[in-house]
């Protein structure tokens, strides 16, 4: 038997709350569009229970389900704003302090042999 992922069994409080908020927001968007769970499930090709799990913020729900739900409601463009590097103030501050613009730290190639 495979070991259970501890993140799924007991996610950090912030993760759990973020998933619940995302699920609630998706549910609100679905209801505002007057779409049933069955309609959205059929559109993205999953069982209606999967939609319920996502709307409740169940940690084991895959990101593809959330992306599909956003797409089904015309909100897929919002997914691209998650973890946007231009909105990551802490990351930009750390990168600036380290003098880096990107990961890797490779030196530029030269022609000296």
C-alpha atoms as a PDB file:
ATOM      1  CA  UNK A   1       0.000   0.000   0.000  1.00  0.00           C
ATOM      2  CA  UNK A   2       1.353   3.419  -0.969  1.00  0.00           C
ATOM      3  CA  UNK A   3       2.142   5.923   1.749  1.00  0.00           C
ATOM      4  CA  UNK A   4      -0.452   8.665   2.075  1.00  0.00           C
ATOM      5  CA  UNK A   5       0.718  12.166   1.261  1.00  0.00           C
ATOM      6  CA  UNK A   6       0.806  14.134   4.549  1.00  0.00           C
ATOM      7  CA  UNK A   7      -0.148  17.316   2.695  1.00  0.00           C
ATOM      8  CA  UNK A   8      -3.426  15.679   1.701  1.00  0.00           C
ATOM      9  CA  UNK A   9      -4.069  14.170   5.127  1.00  0.00           C
ATOM     10  CA  UNK A  10      -3.308  17.303   7.150  1.00  0.00           C
ATOM     11  CA  UNK A  11      -2.528  20.367   5.045  1.00  0.00           C
ATOM     12  CA  UNK A  12      -1.188  23.501   6.739  1.00  0.00           C
ATOM     13  CA  UNK A  13      -3.996  25.748   7.926  1.00  0.00           C
ATOM     14  CA  UNK A  14      -3.225  28.414   5.299  1.00  0.00           C
ATOM     15  CA  UNK A  15      -3.365  25.825   2.510  1.00  0.00           C
ATOM     16  CA  UNK A  16      -6.633  24.405   3.797  1.00  0.00           C
ATOM     17  CA  UNK A  17      -8.205  27.856   4.008  1.00  0.00           C
ATOM     18  CA  UNK A  18      -6.956  28.861   0.539  1.00  0.00           C
ATOM     19  CA  UNK A  19      -8.482  25.723  -0.979  1.00  0.00           C
ATOM     20  CA  UNK A  20     -11.781  26.324   0.791  1.00  0.00           C
ATOM     21  CA  UNK A  21     -11.829  29.928  -0.411  1.00  0.00           C
ATOM     22  CA  UNK A  22     -11.036  28.877  -3.983  1.00  0.00           C
ATOM     23  CA  UNK A  23     -13.777  26.252  -3.884  1.00  0.00           C
ATOM     24  CA  UNK A  24     -16.305  28.720  -2.489  1.00  0.00           C
ATOM     25  CA  UNK A  25     -15.370  31.274  -5.144  1.00  0.00           C
ATOM     26  CA  UNK A  26     -15.806  28.694  -7.895  1.00  0.00           C
ATOM     27  CA  UNK A  27     -19.184  27.699  -6.467  1.00  0.00           C
ATOM     28  CA  UNK A  28     -20.283  31.344  -6.411  1.00  0.00           C
ATOM     29  CA  UNK A  29     -19.180  31.783 -10.033  1.00  0.00           C
ATOM     30  CA  UNK A  30     -21.087  28.635 -11.049  1.00  0.00           C
ATOM     31  CA  UNK A  31     -24.260  29.727  -9.283  1.00  0.00           C
ATOM     32  CA  UNK A  32     -24.078  33.245 -10.742  1.00  0.00           C
ATOM     33  CA  UNK A  33     -23.980  31.646 -14.190  1.00  0.00           C
ATOM     34  CA  UNK A  34     -26.979  29.506 -13.245  1.00  0.00           C
ATOM     35  CA  UNK A  35     -25.045  26.319 -14.007  1.00  0.00           C
ATOM     36  CA  UNK A  36     -25.791  23.064 -12.231  1.00  0.00           C
ATOM     37  CA  UNK A  37     -23.084  20.785 -10.911  1.00  0.00           C
ATOM     38  CA  UNK A  38     -24.165  18.193 -13.488  1.00  0.00           C
ATOM     39  CA  UNK A  39     -23.800  20.699 -16.366  1.00  0.00           C
ATOM     40  CA  UNK A  40     -20.311  21.756 -15.329  1.00  0.00           C
ATOM     41  CA  UNK A  41     -19.265  18.152 -14.678  1.00  0.00           C
ATOM     42  CA  UNK A  42     -20.422  17.132 -18.157  1.00  0.00           C
ATOM     43  CA  UNK A  43     -18.609  20.072 -19.749  1.00  0.00           C
ATOM     44  CA  UNK A  44     -15.256  19.153 -18.228  1.00  0.00           C
ATOM     45  CA  UNK A  45     -15.830  15.396 -18.363  1.00  0.00           C
ATOM     46  CA  UNK A  46     -15.835  14.401 -14.699  1.00  0.00           C
ATOM     47  CA  UNK A  47     -18.299  12.965 -12.213  1.00  0.00           C
ATOM     48  CA  UNK A  48     -20.465  15.475 -10.365  1.00  0.00           C
ATOM     49  CA  UNK A  49     -18.914  14.371  -7.049  1.00  0.00           C
ATOM     50  CA  UNK A  50     -15.580  15.744  -8.258  1.00  0.00           C
ATOM     51  CA  UNK A  51     -17.164  19.171  -8.669  1.00  0.00           C
ATOM     52  CA  UNK A  52     -18.540  18.969  -5.135  1.00  0.00           C
ATOM     53  CA  UNK A  53     -15.107  18.033  -3.803  1.00  0.00           C
ATOM     54  CA  UNK A  54     -13.535  21.015  -5.572  1.00  0.00           C
ATOM     55  CA  UNK A  55     -16.179  23.416  -4.319  1.00  0.00           C
ATOM     56  CA  UNK A  56     -15.558  22.217  -0.759  1.00  0.00           C
ATOM     57  CA  UNK A  57     -11.798  22.659  -1.186  1.00  0.00           C
ATOM     58  CA  UNK A  58     -10.898  18.993  -0.766  1.00  0.00           C
ATOM     59  CA  UNK A  59      -7.061  18.840  -0.780  1.00  0.00           C
ATOM     60  CA  UNK A  60      -6.879  15.771  -3.032  1.00  0.00           C
ATOM     61  CA  UNK A  61      -8.693  17.526  -5.879  1.00  0.00           C
ATOM     62  CA  UNK A  62      -6.237  17.940  -8.740  1.00  0.00           C
ATOM     63  CA  UNK A  63      -5.316  21.301 -10.163  1.00  0.00           C
ATOM     64  CA  UNK A  64      -6.591  20.185 -13.571  1.00  0.00           C
ATOM     65  CA  UNK A  65     -10.087  20.031 -12.079  1.00  0.00           C
ATOM     66  CA  UNK A  66      -9.809  23.602 -10.814  1.00  0.00           C
ATOM     67  CA  UNK A  67      -8.417  24.727 -14.176  1.00  0.00           C
ATOM     68  CA  UNK A  68     -11.269  22.947 -15.965  1.00  0.00           C
ATOM     69  CA  UNK A  69     -13.846  24.579 -13.711  1.00  0.00           C
ATOM     70  CA  UNK A  70     -12.385  28.009 -14.348  1.00  0.00           C
ATOM     71  CA  UNK A  71     -12.378  27.300 -18.087  1.00  0.00           C
ATOM     72  CA  UNK A  72     -15.988  26.112 -18.023  1.00  0.00           C
ATOM     73  CA  UNK A  73     -17.025  29.454 -16.571  1.00  0.00           C
ATOM     74  CA  UNK A  74     -14.828  31.630 -18.769  1.00  0.00           C
ATOM     75  CA  UNK A  75     -12.368  32.395 -15.992  1.00  0.00           C
ATOM     76  CA  UNK A  76      -9.327  30.403 -17.155  1.00  0.00           C
ATOM     77  CA  UNK A  77      -7.292  33.579 -17.699  1.00  0.00           C
ATOM     78  CA  UNK A  78      -7.333  34.140 -13.920  1.00  0.00           C
ATOM     79  CA  UNK A  79      -5.299  30.988 -13.360  1.00  0.00           C
ATOM     80  CA  UNK A  80      -2.347  32.616 -15.110  1.00  0.00           C
ATOM     81  CA  UNK A  81      -2.220  35.281 -12.405  1.00  0.00           C
ATOM     82  CA  UNK A  82      -1.570  32.746  -9.647  1.00  0.00           C
ATOM     83  CA  UNK A  83       2.016  33.176  -8.410  1.00  0.00           C
ATOM     84  CA  UNK A  84       2.652  35.903 -10.993  1.00  0.00           C
ATOM     85  CA  UNK A  85       6.334  36.856 -10.601  1.00  0.00           C
ATOM     86  CA  UNK A  86       5.436  40.528 -10.990  1.00  0.00           C
ATOM     87  CA  UNK A  87       3.145  40.274  -7.948  1.00  0.00           C
ATOM     88  CA  UNK A  88       5.710  38.451  -5.808  1.00  0.00           C
ATOM     89  CA  UNK A  89       7.108  41.356  -3.803  1.00  0.00           C
ATOM     90  CA  UNK A  90       9.095  39.138  -1.428  1.00  0.00           C
ATOM     91  CA  UNK A  91      10.620  37.180  -4.301  1.00  0.00           C
ATOM     92  CA  UNK A  92      11.581  40.343  -6.175  1.00  0.00           C
ATOM     93  CA  UNK A  93      13.180  41.794  -3.046  1.00  0.00           C
ATOM     94  CA  UNK A  94      15.177  38.618  -2.436  1.00  0.00           C
ATOM     95  CA  UNK A  95      16.297  38.408  -6.063  1.00  0.00           C
ATOM     96  CA  UNK A  96      17.380  42.041  -6.046  1.00  0.00           C
ATOM     97  CA  UNK A  97      19.326  41.547  -2.814  1.00  0.00           C
ATOM     98  CA  UNK A  98      21.109  38.542  -4.335  1.00  0.00           C
ATOM     99  CA  UNK A  99      21.743  40.341  -7.616  1.00  0.00           C
ATOM    100  CA  UNK A 100      19.893  37.689  -9.642  1.00  0.00           C
ATOM    101  CA  UNK A 101      17.193  37.939 -12.248  1.00  0.00           C
ATOM    102  CA  UNK A 102      16.745  34.181 -12.712  1.00  0.00           C
ATOM    103  CA  UNK A 103      17.707  30.860 -11.182  1.00  0.00           C
ATOM    104  CA  UNK A 104      20.753  28.854 -12.152  1.00  0.00           C
ATOM    105  CA  UNK A 105      23.635  31.208 -11.627  1.00  0.00           C
ATOM    106  CA  UNK A 106      25.539  30.059 -14.741  1.00  0.00           C
ATOM    107  CA  UNK A 107      28.297  32.298 -15.992  1.00  0.00           C
ATOM    108  CA  UNK A 108      28.152  33.645 -19.507  1.00  0.00           C
ATOM    109  CA  UNK A 109      30.186  31.688 -22.060  1.00  0.00           C
ATOM    110  CA  UNK A 110      33.264  33.291 -23.528  1.00  0.00           C
ATOM    111  CA  UNK A 111      35.507  32.456 -26.456  1.00  0.00           C
ATOM    112  CA  UNK A 112      38.743  32.100 -24.457  1.00  0.00           C
ATOM    113  CA  UNK A 113      40.212  28.578 -24.641  1.00  0.00           C
END
